[in-house]
């Protein structure tokens, strides 16, 4: 594609090579507070994007919205504007019985429905390479270990419809080794390999789909954990990139 991006009204100098992407614009505001000299570089279409510095390293916090089609637009346009590494920091539904709200998941791959998550639009019916960059992901896990943050790692399910799953969904996929469900990792990982970006997904458990009593925690309730994990990702960027 030639010409400027349609949805992110920012210039190349506004976007850092290192990006943390979140679904919720409220979460983008939250994480921008962790940066020095954060400036709002886009608010078009509600995709709030901030760029600032953390320990002297320039970092962009970007909103990608809900679901793969929305996220794909943002990821593509961030890449057009110079992003080289994108870590999705989002929430997820846990699918291991022992998972608790606030636990951390590092995605090692993403299952998605055939033709779903926008991947089919790129690959003409073929399966996408839905795995993150192993070096970036390993560095994040190493940093989580150093910070004493417990985490799970394994494949996640990238869903196209928040309310479509039947009651047996979590049990079915948990038995197949999938540890959590979210909505954007599959397209991020696929585009990363296609476009040459390094990608990863670090997710905070907001509910456990296998729990007897269902409760969905809000971003504000998860704020302390989200901020701590965000700082861990930023530390990886400052150390290695």
Protein backbone atom coordinates (compact mmCIF):
# COMPACT_ATOMS: atom_id res chain seq x y z
CA UNK A 1 0.00 0.00 0.00
CA UNK A 2 1.26 3.48 -0.87
CA UNK A 3 0.34 6.79 0.66
CA UNK A 4 -0.38 7.68 4.29
CA UNK A 5 -2.45 5.44 6.58
CA UNK A 6 -6.18 6.13 6.57
CA UNK A 7 -6.99 5.52 10.24
CA UNK A 8 -3.92 6.62 12.20
CA UNK A 9 -3.42 10.33 11.57
CA UNK A 10 0.18 10.43 12.74
CA UNK A 11 3.55 10.98 11.12
CA UNK A 12 6.41 8.50 11.04
CA UNK A 13 8.31 10.49 13.65
CA UNK A 14 5.29 10.10 15.98
CA UNK A 15 5.51 6.29 16.19
CA UNK A 16 8.28 4.48 18.03
CA UNK A 17 9.87 1.26 16.82
CA UNK A 18 8.72 -0.35 20.09
CA UNK A 19 4.96 -0.58 20.62
CA UNK A 20 2.66 -1.90 23.31
CA UNK A 21 -0.81 -2.41 21.83
CA UNK A 22 -4.01 -2.61 23.89
CA UNK A 23 -7.65 -3.06 23.00
CA UNK A 24 -9.14 -0.51 25.39
CA UNK A 25 -8.46 3.23 24.90
CA UNK A 26 -8.85 3.62 28.65
CA UNK A 27 -5.98 1.20 29.11
CA UNK A 28 -3.90 3.20 26.63
CA UNK A 29 -4.43 6.30 28.79
CA UNK A 30 -3.47 4.29 31.85
CA UNK A 31 -0.20 3.07 30.36
CA UNK A 32 0.66 6.48 28.90
CA UNK A 33 0.94 7.67 32.49
CA UNK A 34 3.96 5.37 32.88
CA UNK A 35 5.86 7.24 30.16
CA UNK A 36 7.84 10.44 30.42
CA UNK A 37 6.71 13.29 28.18
CA UNK A 38 3.86 11.23 26.73
CA UNK A 39 2.05 12.97 23.89
CA UNK A 40 -1.17 12.02 22.14
CA UNK A 41 -0.30 11.42 18.49
CA UNK A 42 -3.63 10.02 17.28
CA UNK A 43 -7.24 10.04 18.39
CA UNK A 44 -8.88 9.55 15.00
CA UNK A 45 -11.50 6.77 15.01
CA UNK A 46 -11.03 6.43 18.77
CA UNK A 47 -7.64 4.74 18.32
CA UNK A 48 -5.83 6.64 21.06
CA UNK A 49 -2.07 6.45 20.51
CA UNK A 50 0.57 7.95 22.78
CA UNK A 51 4.32 8.16 22.37
CA UNK A 52 6.80 8.99 25.11
CA UNK A 53 9.91 7.62 26.75
CA UNK A 54 10.62 5.04 29.44
CA UNK A 55 14.12 5.04 30.91
CA UNK A 56 15.18 7.06 27.89
CA UNK A 57 13.74 4.64 25.30
CA UNK A 58 10.94 5.84 23.03
CA UNK A 59 7.81 3.68 23.28
CA UNK A 60 4.37 3.96 21.70
CA UNK A 61 1.17 2.86 23.42
CA UNK A 62 -1.49 2.12 20.78
CA UNK A 63 -5.19 1.24 20.95
CA UNK A 64 -6.21 -1.52 18.51
CA UNK A 65 -9.89 -1.93 19.35
CA UNK A 66 -11.77 -5.21 19.64
CA UNK A 67 -11.28 -8.16 17.32
CA UNK A 68 -8.88 -9.08 14.56
CA UNK A 69 -10.29 -6.89 11.75
CA UNK A 70 -9.94 -3.74 13.85
CA UNK A 71 -6.57 -4.79 15.22
CA UNK A 72 -5.21 -5.70 11.78
CA UNK A 73 -5.83 -2.16 10.53
CA UNK A 74 -3.97 -0.67 13.47
CA UNK A 75 -1.09 -3.15 13.31
CA UNK A 76 -0.67 -2.61 9.55
CA UNK A 77 -0.68 1.17 9.89
CA UNK A 78 1.72 1.13 12.85
CA UNK A 79 4.05 -0.90 10.64
CA UNK A 80 3.69 1.64 7.83
CA UNK A 81 4.70 4.33 10.30
CA UNK A 82 7.83 2.54 11.45
CA UNK A 83 6.89 0.11 14.23
CA UNK A 84 9.27 -2.86 14.35
CA UNK A 85 8.09 -4.63 17.50
CA UNK A 86 4.49 -4.93 18.75
CA UNK A 87 3.52 -6.57 22.02
CA UNK A 88 -0.17 -6.95 22.67
CA UNK A 89 -0.98 -6.41 26.34
CA UNK A 90 -4.59 -7.42 26.81
CA UNK A 91 -7.04 -9.34 28.93
CA UNK A 92 -8.04 -12.96 28.46
CA UNK A 93 -10.43 -15.60 29.67
CA UNK A 94 -8.50 -18.31 31.47
CA UNK A 95 -9.14 -21.93 30.54
CA UNK A 96 -7.12 -23.78 33.16
CA UNK A 97 -9.02 -24.60 36.37
CA UNK A 98 -6.28 -23.24 38.61
CA UNK A 99 -6.03 -19.84 36.90
CA UNK A 100 -7.01 -16.87 39.01
CA UNK A 101 -8.04 -13.36 38.04
CA UNK A 102 -4.88 -11.31 37.61
CA UNK A 103 -2.71 -14.21 36.50
CA UNK A 104 -0.48 -13.64 33.48
CA UNK A 105 -0.47 -15.61 30.21
CA UNK A 106 2.28 -15.43 27.60
CA UNK A 107 0.86 -16.73 24.33
CA UNK A 108 3.07 -19.20 22.47
CA UNK A 109 0.64 -19.56 19.57
CA UNK A 110 -2.95 -18.88 18.60
CA UNK A 111 -5.72 -21.19 17.37
CA UNK A 112 -8.31 -19.52 15.16
CA UNK A 113 -11.39 -20.65 13.18
CA UNK A 114 -10.74 -21.58 9.53
CA UNK A 115 -10.96 -18.39 7.51
CA UNK A 116 -11.44 -16.36 10.68
CA UNK A 117 -9.58 -13.54 12.44
CA UNK A 118 -8.99 -11.82 9.11
CA UNK A 119 -6.21 -14.30 8.37
CA UNK A 120 -8.12 -15.85 5.47
CA UNK A 121 -8.26 -12.47 3.72
CA UNK A 122 -4.46 -12.50 3.55
CA UNK A 123 -3.70 -16.16 2.87
CA UNK A 124 -6.41 -17.36 0.49
CA UNK A 125 -7.66 -20.25 2.60
CA UNK A 126 -4.33 -21.33 4.02
CA UNK A 127 -3.43 -21.41 7.70
CA UNK A 128 -1.49 -18.50 9.09
CA UNK A 129 1.84 -18.71 10.96
CA UNK A 130 0.15 -17.83 14.23
CA UNK A 131 3.13 -17.95 16.58
CA UNK A 132 4.92 -15.00 18.16
CA UNK A 133 8.56 -14.09 17.81
CA UNK A 134 10.32 -16.63 20.06
CA UNK A 135 13.21 -14.32 21.01
CA UNK A 136 11.00 -11.43 22.08
CA UNK A 137 8.61 -13.77 23.92
CA UNK A 138 11.47 -15.51 25.73
CA UNK A 139 12.96 -12.20 26.80
CA UNK A 140 9.58 -11.17 28.21
CA UNK A 141 9.28 -14.43 30.13
CA UNK A 142 12.82 -14.02 31.47
CA UNK A 143 11.97 -10.51 32.67
CA UNK A 144 8.74 -11.72 34.27
CA UNK A 145 10.84 -14.30 36.14
CA UNK A 146 13.25 -11.60 37.31
CA UNK A 147 10.34 -9.47 38.52
CA UNK A 148 8.86 -12.43 40.39
CA UNK A 149 5.66 -12.35 38.34
CA UNK A 150 4.03 -15.77 38.01
CA UNK A 151 2.86 -16.60 34.50
CA UNK A 152 1.50 -19.38 32.36
CA UNK A 153 2.61 -19.95 28.79
CA UNK A 154 0.86 -21.84 26.02
CA UNK A 155 -1.46 -21.48 23.04
CA UNK A 156 -4.53 -19.26 23.15
CA UNK A 157 -7.72 -19.24 21.10
CA UNK A 158 -8.36 -16.08 19.06
CA UNK A 159 -12.12 -15.73 18.77
CA UNK A 160 -14.12 -13.56 16.38
CA UNK A 161 -17.23 -13.34 18.56
CA UNK A 162 -17.22 -12.58 22.27
CA UNK A 163 -20.71 -14.00 22.87
CA UNK A 164 -20.74 -16.91 20.40
CA UNK A 165 -19.14 -19.65 22.49
CA UNK A 166 -21.42 -22.36 23.84
CA UNK A 167 -21.10 -23.59 27.45
CA UNK A 168 -18.80 -26.42 26.38
CA UNK A 169 -16.31 -24.14 24.59
CA UNK A 170 -13.83 -23.73 27.44
CA UNK A 171 -13.86 -27.42 28.39
CA UNK A 172 -13.41 -28.51 24.78
CA UNK A 173 -10.42 -26.29 24.05
CA UNK A 174 -8.85 -26.69 27.47
CA UNK A 175 -8.75 -30.44 26.85
CA UNK A 176 -6.90 -29.72 23.58
CA UNK A 177 -4.17 -27.81 25.40
CA UNK A 178 -5.40 -24.26 24.83
CA UNK A 179 -5.01 -22.24 28.02
CA UNK A 180 -6.93 -19.01 27.36
CA UNK A 181 -9.20 -17.18 24.91
CA UNK A 182 -8.81 -13.67 23.51
CA UNK A 183 -9.52 -11.93 20.20
CA UNK A 184 -6.43 -10.51 18.46
CA UNK A 185 -3.26 -12.60 18.82
CA UNK A 186 -3.74 -14.70 15.67
CA UNK A 187 -3.70 -11.75 13.29
CA UNK A 188 -0.85 -10.03 15.16
CA UNK A 189 1.36 -13.09 14.94
CA UNK A 190 0.52 -13.75 11.29
CA UNK A 191 1.17 -10.17 10.24
CA UNK A 192 4.39 -10.14 12.22
CA UNK A 193 5.87 -12.87 10.07
CA UNK A 194 4.40 -11.43 6.87
CA UNK A 195 5.62 -7.88 7.47
CA UNK A 196 8.85 -8.55 9.33
CA UNK A 197 7.88 -7.27 12.79
CA UNK A 198 8.67 -8.98 16.08
CA UNK A 199 5.48 -9.75 17.99
CA UNK A 200 4.34 -11.13 21.33
CA UNK A 201 1.17 -11.26 23.40
CA UNK A 202 1.06 -10.96 27.17
CA UNK A 203 -2.41 -11.32 28.65
CA UNK A 204 -3.97 -10.73 32.05
CA UNK A 205 -6.68 -13.15 33.15
CA UNK A 206 -9.89 -11.18 33.69
CA UNK A 207 -12.10 -14.22 34.24
CA UNK A 208 -11.86 -18.01 34.33
CA UNK A 209 -14.27 -19.71 31.94
CA UNK A 210 -14.03 -22.95 33.93
CA UNK A 211 -14.93 -21.37 37.26
CA UNK A 212 -18.25 -22.27 38.86
CA UNK A 213 -19.06 -18.62 39.53
CA UNK A 214 -18.33 -16.30 36.61
CA UNK A 215 -16.92 -12.83 37.24
CA UNK A 216 -15.30 -10.48 34.71
CA UNK A 217 -12.80 -8.08 36.27
CA UNK A 218 -12.54 -4.52 34.95
CA UNK A 219 -9.38 -2.80 33.76
CA UNK A 220 -9.46 -0.63 36.87
CA UNK A 221 -9.62 -3.69 39.11
CA UNK A 222 -6.65 -5.12 37.20
CA UNK A 223 -4.78 -1.80 37.06
CA UNK A 224 -1.93 -2.68 39.41
CA UNK A 225 -1.17 -5.94 37.57
CA UNK A 226 -1.52 -4.35 34.12
CA UNK A 227 0.88 -1.55 35.06
CA UNK A 228 3.40 -3.98 36.54
CA UNK A 229 3.37 -6.18 33.44
CA UNK A 230 3.56 -3.13 31.17
CA UNK A 231 6.70 -1.97 32.99
CA UNK A 232 8.16 -5.45 32.52
CA UNK A 233 7.59 -5.25 28.76
CA UNK A 234 9.07 -1.75 28.71
CA UNK A 235 12.12 -3.06 30.56
CA UNK A 236 12.60 -5.63 27.80
CA UNK A 237 12.45 -2.87 25.20
CA UNK A 238 14.97 -0.73 27.10
CA UNK A 239 17.39 -3.62 27.65
CA UNK A 240 17.41 -5.21 24.21
CA UNK A 241 16.04 -2.82 21.62
